[in-house]
């Protein structure tokens, strides 16, 4: 009998037997529930996740943010201002599914820079606030179009 043939067989048999003597399975956590337990009430599960207009970590300027929103909404952007502006902490509060609402909020946040943002004829517009035109007037113009 050749020992070199028997030794691997003996080691393999011992390893298989040691697996049988392992510890028992741990108890399930208390939050575990059996399958197919139906609840007493209906729970709605949305199949389409809504898109939110908000800033991301990659956004750093107003123009860049508007271009990203325009790409998402499949709208061109006209940024008619000689300067771009950095985003600041208050812009993080913008989170809405309506682009018009997001642009109104952005207008309010950058009103001290005399910037206005709105949608006109399917184009996102960004420019310096015109003299004598306030946000209420722009909102009325936007609502009619």
C-alpha atoms as a PDB file:
ATOM      1  CA  UNK A   1       0.000   0.000   0.000  1.00  0.00           C
ATOM      2  CA  UNK A   2       1.416   3.322  -1.076  1.00  0.00           C
ATOM      3  CA  UNK A   3       1.365   5.947   1.720  1.00  0.00           C
ATOM      4  CA  UNK A   4       1.460   8.870  -0.725  1.00  0.00           C
ATOM      5  CA  UNK A   5      -1.915   7.735  -2.125  1.00  0.00           C
ATOM      6  CA  UNK A   6      -3.570   7.029   1.206  1.00  0.00           C
ATOM      7  CA  UNK A   7      -2.446  10.203   3.009  1.00  0.00           C
ATOM      8  CA  UNK A   8      -4.426  12.706   0.858  1.00  0.00           C
ATOM      9  CA  UNK A   9      -7.499  10.475   1.120  1.00  0.00           C
ATOM     10  CA  UNK A  10      -7.189  10.306   4.917  1.00  0.00           C
ATOM     11  CA  UNK A  11      -6.704  14.087   5.226  1.00  0.00           C
ATOM     12  CA  UNK A  12      -9.706  14.754   2.976  1.00  0.00           C
ATOM     13  CA  UNK A  13     -11.876  12.381   5.003  1.00  0.00           C
ATOM     14  CA  UNK A  14     -10.854  14.106   8.252  1.00  0.00           C
ATOM     15  CA  UNK A  15     -11.660  17.531   6.803  1.00  0.00           C
ATOM     16  CA  UNK A  16     -15.111  16.400   5.674  1.00  0.00           C
ATOM     17  CA  UNK A  17     -15.843  14.909   9.083  1.00  0.00           C
ATOM     18  CA  UNK A  18     -14.709  18.059  10.877  1.00  0.00           C
ATOM     19  CA  UNK A  19     -17.279  20.044   8.865  1.00  0.00           C
ATOM     20  CA  UNK A  20     -20.023  17.874  10.341  1.00  0.00           C
ATOM     21  CA  UNK A  21     -19.010  18.768  13.874  1.00  0.00           C
ATOM     22  CA  UNK A  22     -19.174  22.537  13.376  1.00  0.00           C
ATOM     23  CA  UNK A  23     -21.309  24.855  15.478  1.00  0.00           C
ATOM     24  CA  UNK A  24     -25.053  25.049  14.955  1.00  0.00           C
ATOM     25  CA  UNK A  25     -26.586  27.863  12.910  1.00  0.00           C
ATOM     26  CA  UNK A  26     -27.067  31.116  14.820  1.00  0.00           C
ATOM     27  CA  UNK A  27     -30.564  32.188  15.840  1.00  0.00           C
ATOM     28  CA  UNK A  28     -32.388  34.500  13.477  1.00  0.00           C
ATOM     29  CA  UNK A  29     -32.623  38.112  14.639  1.00  0.00           C
ATOM     30  CA  UNK A  30     -35.846  39.201  16.294  1.00  0.00           C
ATOM     31  CA  UNK A  31     -36.765  41.330  13.262  1.00  0.00           C
ATOM     32  CA  UNK A  32     -36.903  38.239  11.046  1.00  0.00           C
ATOM     33  CA  UNK A  33     -40.369  37.300   9.811  1.00  0.00           C
ATOM     34  CA  UNK A  34     -41.525  34.246   7.938  1.00  0.00           C
ATOM     35  CA  UNK A  35     -42.193  34.675   4.219  1.00  0.00           C
ATOM     36  CA  UNK A  36     -45.623  35.402   2.775  1.00  0.00           C
ATOM     37  CA  UNK A  37     -46.889  37.243   5.827  1.00  0.00           C
ATOM     38  CA  UNK A  38     -49.322  39.810   4.443  1.00  0.00           C
ATOM     39  CA  UNK A  39     -49.872  43.102   6.217  1.00  0.00           C
ATOM     40  CA  UNK A  40     -53.248  44.427   7.281  1.00  0.00           C
ATOM     41  CA  UNK A  41     -52.859  47.644   5.266  1.00  0.00           C
ATOM     42  CA  UNK A  42     -51.921  48.483   1.694  1.00  0.00           C
ATOM     43  CA  UNK A  43     -48.478  49.989   1.141  1.00  0.00           C
ATOM     44  CA  UNK A  44     -47.841  51.975  -2.038  1.00  0.00           C
ATOM     45  CA  UNK A  45     -44.587  51.150  -3.837  1.00  0.00           C
ATOM     46  CA  UNK A  46     -43.698  53.724  -6.523  1.00  0.00           C
ATOM     47  CA  UNK A  47     -42.404  52.096  -9.701  1.00  0.00           C
ATOM     48  CA  UNK A  48     -41.080  55.319 -11.218  1.00  0.00           C
ATOM     49  CA  UNK A  49     -38.707  57.292  -9.040  1.00  0.00           C
ATOM     50  CA  UNK A  50     -39.355  61.046  -9.422  1.00  0.00           C
ATOM     51  CA  UNK A  51     -36.448  63.256 -10.462  1.00  0.00           C
ATOM     52  CA  UNK A  52     -35.550  66.066  -8.072  1.00  0.00           C
ATOM     53  CA  UNK A  53     -33.953  69.312  -9.144  1.00  0.00           C
ATOM     54  CA  UNK A  54     -31.272  69.826  -6.538  1.00  0.00           C
ATOM     55  CA  UNK A  55     -27.538  70.364  -6.317  1.00  0.00           C
ATOM     56  CA  UNK A  56     -25.033  67.537  -6.357  1.00  0.00           C
ATOM     57  CA  UNK A  57     -21.480  67.350  -5.086  1.00  0.00           C
ATOM     58  CA  UNK A  58     -20.212  68.043  -8.588  1.00  0.00           C
ATOM     59  CA  UNK A  59     -22.075  71.364  -8.883  1.00  0.00           C
ATOM     60  CA  UNK A  60     -20.015  74.404  -7.963  1.00  0.00           C
ATOM     61  CA  UNK A  61     -21.385  77.322 -10.012  1.00  0.00           C
ATOM     62  CA  UNK A  62     -24.809  78.627 -10.997  1.00  0.00           C
ATOM     63  CA  UNK A  63     -24.098  78.292 -14.721  1.00  0.00           C
ATOM     64  CA  UNK A  64     -22.927  74.693 -14.318  1.00  0.00           C
ATOM     65  CA  UNK A  65     -26.009  73.869 -12.244  1.00  0.00           C
ATOM     66  CA  UNK A  66     -28.331  75.368 -14.860  1.00  0.00           C
ATOM     67  CA  UNK A  67     -26.589  73.492 -17.670  1.00  0.00           C
ATOM     68  CA  UNK A  68     -27.014  70.202 -15.790  1.00  0.00           C
ATOM     69  CA  UNK A  69     -30.673  70.942 -15.066  1.00  0.00           C
ATOM     70  CA  UNK A  70     -31.152  71.909 -18.726  1.00  0.00           C
ATOM     71  CA  UNK A  71     -29.627  68.632 -19.884  1.00  0.00           C
ATOM     72  CA  UNK A  72     -31.896  66.706 -17.522  1.00  0.00           C
ATOM     73  CA  UNK A  73     -34.991  68.617 -18.668  1.00  0.00           C
ATOM     74  CA  UNK A  74     -33.869  68.457 -22.340  1.00  0.00           C
ATOM     75  CA  UNK A  75     -33.946  72.264 -22.528  1.00  0.00           C
ATOM     76  CA  UNK A  76     -31.278  74.646 -23.797  1.00  0.00           C
ATOM     77  CA  UNK A  77     -29.873  77.262 -21.425  1.00  0.00           C
ATOM     78  CA  UNK A  78     -29.244  80.891 -22.262  1.00  0.00           C
ATOM     79  CA  UNK A  79     -26.947  82.389 -19.639  1.00  0.00           C
ATOM     80  CA  UNK A  80     -26.792  86.075 -20.502  1.00  0.00           C
ATOM     81  CA  UNK A  81     -24.627  87.554 -17.759  1.00  0.00           C
ATOM     82  CA  UNK A  82     -20.961  88.559 -17.757  1.00  0.00           C
ATOM     83  CA  UNK A  83     -20.296  86.695 -14.480  1.00  0.00           C
ATOM     84  CA  UNK A  84     -20.901  83.277 -13.053  1.00  0.00           C
ATOM     85  CA  UNK A  85     -21.503  82.799  -9.329  1.00  0.00           C
ATOM     86  CA  UNK A  86     -20.458  80.082  -6.928  1.00  0.00           C
ATOM     87  CA  UNK A  87     -23.116  78.055  -5.174  1.00  0.00           C
ATOM     88  CA  UNK A  88     -23.445  78.579  -1.437  1.00  0.00           C
ATOM     89  CA  UNK A  89     -24.990  76.603   1.412  1.00  0.00           C
ATOM     90  CA  UNK A  90     -28.549  77.918   1.091  1.00  0.00           C
ATOM     91  CA  UNK A  91     -28.761  76.449  -2.429  1.00  0.00           C
ATOM     92  CA  UNK A  92     -28.667  72.993  -0.818  1.00  0.00           C
ATOM     93  CA  UNK A  93     -32.251  73.594   0.350  1.00  0.00           C
ATOM     94  CA  UNK A  94     -33.544  73.499  -3.237  1.00  0.00           C
ATOM     95  CA  UNK A  95     -35.135  70.098  -3.810  1.00  0.00           C
ATOM     96  CA  UNK A  96     -38.231  69.895  -5.972  1.00  0.00           C
ATOM     97  CA  UNK A  97     -39.636  67.875  -8.863  1.00  0.00           C
ATOM     98  CA  UNK A  98     -40.713  71.076 -10.672  1.00  0.00           C
ATOM     99  CA  UNK A  99     -37.991  72.902 -12.593  1.00  0.00           C
ATOM    100  CA  UNK A 100     -39.951  76.176 -12.485  1.00  0.00           C
ATOM    101  CA  UNK A 101     -40.085  76.023  -8.690  1.00  0.00           C
ATOM    102  CA  UNK A 102     -36.347  75.296  -8.497  1.00  0.00           C
ATOM    103  CA  UNK A 103     -35.610  78.283 -10.749  1.00  0.00           C
ATOM    104  CA  UNK A 104     -37.858  80.559  -8.636  1.00  0.00           C
ATOM    105  CA  UNK A 105     -36.007  79.461  -5.505  1.00  0.00           C
ATOM    106  CA  UNK A 106     -32.664  80.083  -7.228  1.00  0.00           C
ATOM    107  CA  UNK A 107     -33.875  83.559  -8.241  1.00  0.00           C
ATOM    108  CA  UNK A 108     -34.735  84.326  -4.621  1.00  0.00           C
ATOM    109  CA  UNK A 109     -31.336  83.133  -3.423  1.00  0.00           C
ATOM    110  CA  UNK A 110     -29.426  85.211  -5.989  1.00  0.00           C
ATOM    111  CA  UNK A 111     -31.662  88.294  -5.894  1.00  0.00           C
ATOM    112  CA  UNK A 112     -28.886  90.311  -4.226  1.00  0.00           C
ATOM    113  CA  UNK A 113     -26.802  89.648  -7.365  1.00  0.00           C
ATOM    114  CA  UNK A 114     -29.774  90.858  -9.433  1.00  0.00           C
ATOM    115  CA  UNK A 115     -30.065  87.512 -11.251  1.00  0.00           C
ATOM    116  CA  UNK A 116     -33.312  85.995 -12.514  1.00  0.00           C
ATOM    117  CA  UNK A 117     -33.904  82.442 -13.704  1.00  0.00           C
ATOM    118  CA  UNK A 118     -37.015  81.213 -15.514  1.00  0.00           C
ATOM    119  CA  UNK A 119     -38.309  79.147 -18.432  1.00  0.00           C
ATOM    120  CA  UNK A 120     -39.427  80.924 -21.598  1.00  0.00           C
ATOM    121  CA  UNK A 121     -40.549  79.064 -24.722  1.00  0.00           C
ATOM    122  CA  UNK A 122     -38.877  75.864 -23.572  1.00  0.00           C
ATOM    123  CA  UNK A 123     -35.544  77.577 -22.816  1.00  0.00           C
ATOM    124  CA  UNK A 124     -33.994  78.092 -19.378  1.00  0.00           C
ATOM    125  CA  UNK A 125     -33.172  81.785 -19.172  1.00  0.00           C
ATOM    126  CA  UNK A 126     -30.623  83.378 -16.839  1.00  0.00           C
ATOM    127  CA  UNK A 127     -29.810  87.082 -16.922  1.00  0.00           C
ATOM    128  CA  UNK A 128     -29.509  90.254 -14.927  1.00  0.00           C
ATOM    129  CA  UNK A 129     -32.773  91.528 -13.484  1.00  0.00           C
ATOM    130  CA  UNK A 130     -34.253  94.213 -15.716  1.00  0.00           C
ATOM    131  CA  UNK A 131     -34.885  97.653 -14.177  1.00  0.00           C
ATOM    132  CA  UNK A 132     -38.430  97.992 -12.886  1.00  0.00           C
ATOM    133  CA  UNK A 133     -39.207  94.278 -13.230  1.00  0.00           C
ATOM    134  CA  UNK A 134     -39.658  92.320 -10.032  1.00  0.00           C
ATOM    135  CA  UNK A 135     -40.119  88.625  -9.345  1.00  0.00           C
ATOM    136  CA  UNK A 136     -43.930  88.914  -9.241  1.00  0.00           C
ATOM    137  CA  UNK A 137     -43.985  90.432 -12.726  1.00  0.00           C
ATOM    138  CA  UNK A 138     -41.676  87.706 -14.070  1.00  0.00           C
ATOM    139  CA  UNK A 139     -43.817  85.019 -12.457  1.00  0.00           C
ATOM    140  CA  UNK A 140     -46.920  86.411 -14.168  1.00  0.00           C
ATOM    141  CA  UNK A 141     -45.150  86.468 -17.549  1.00  0.00           C
ATOM    142  CA  UNK A 142     -43.919  82.906 -17.032  1.00  0.00           C
ATOM    143  CA  UNK A 143     -47.377  81.656 -16.006  1.00  0.00           C
ATOM    144  CA  UNK A 144     -48.946  83.028 -19.205  1.00  0.00           C
ATOM    145  CA  UNK A 145     -46.453  81.269 -21.490  1.00  0.00           C
END
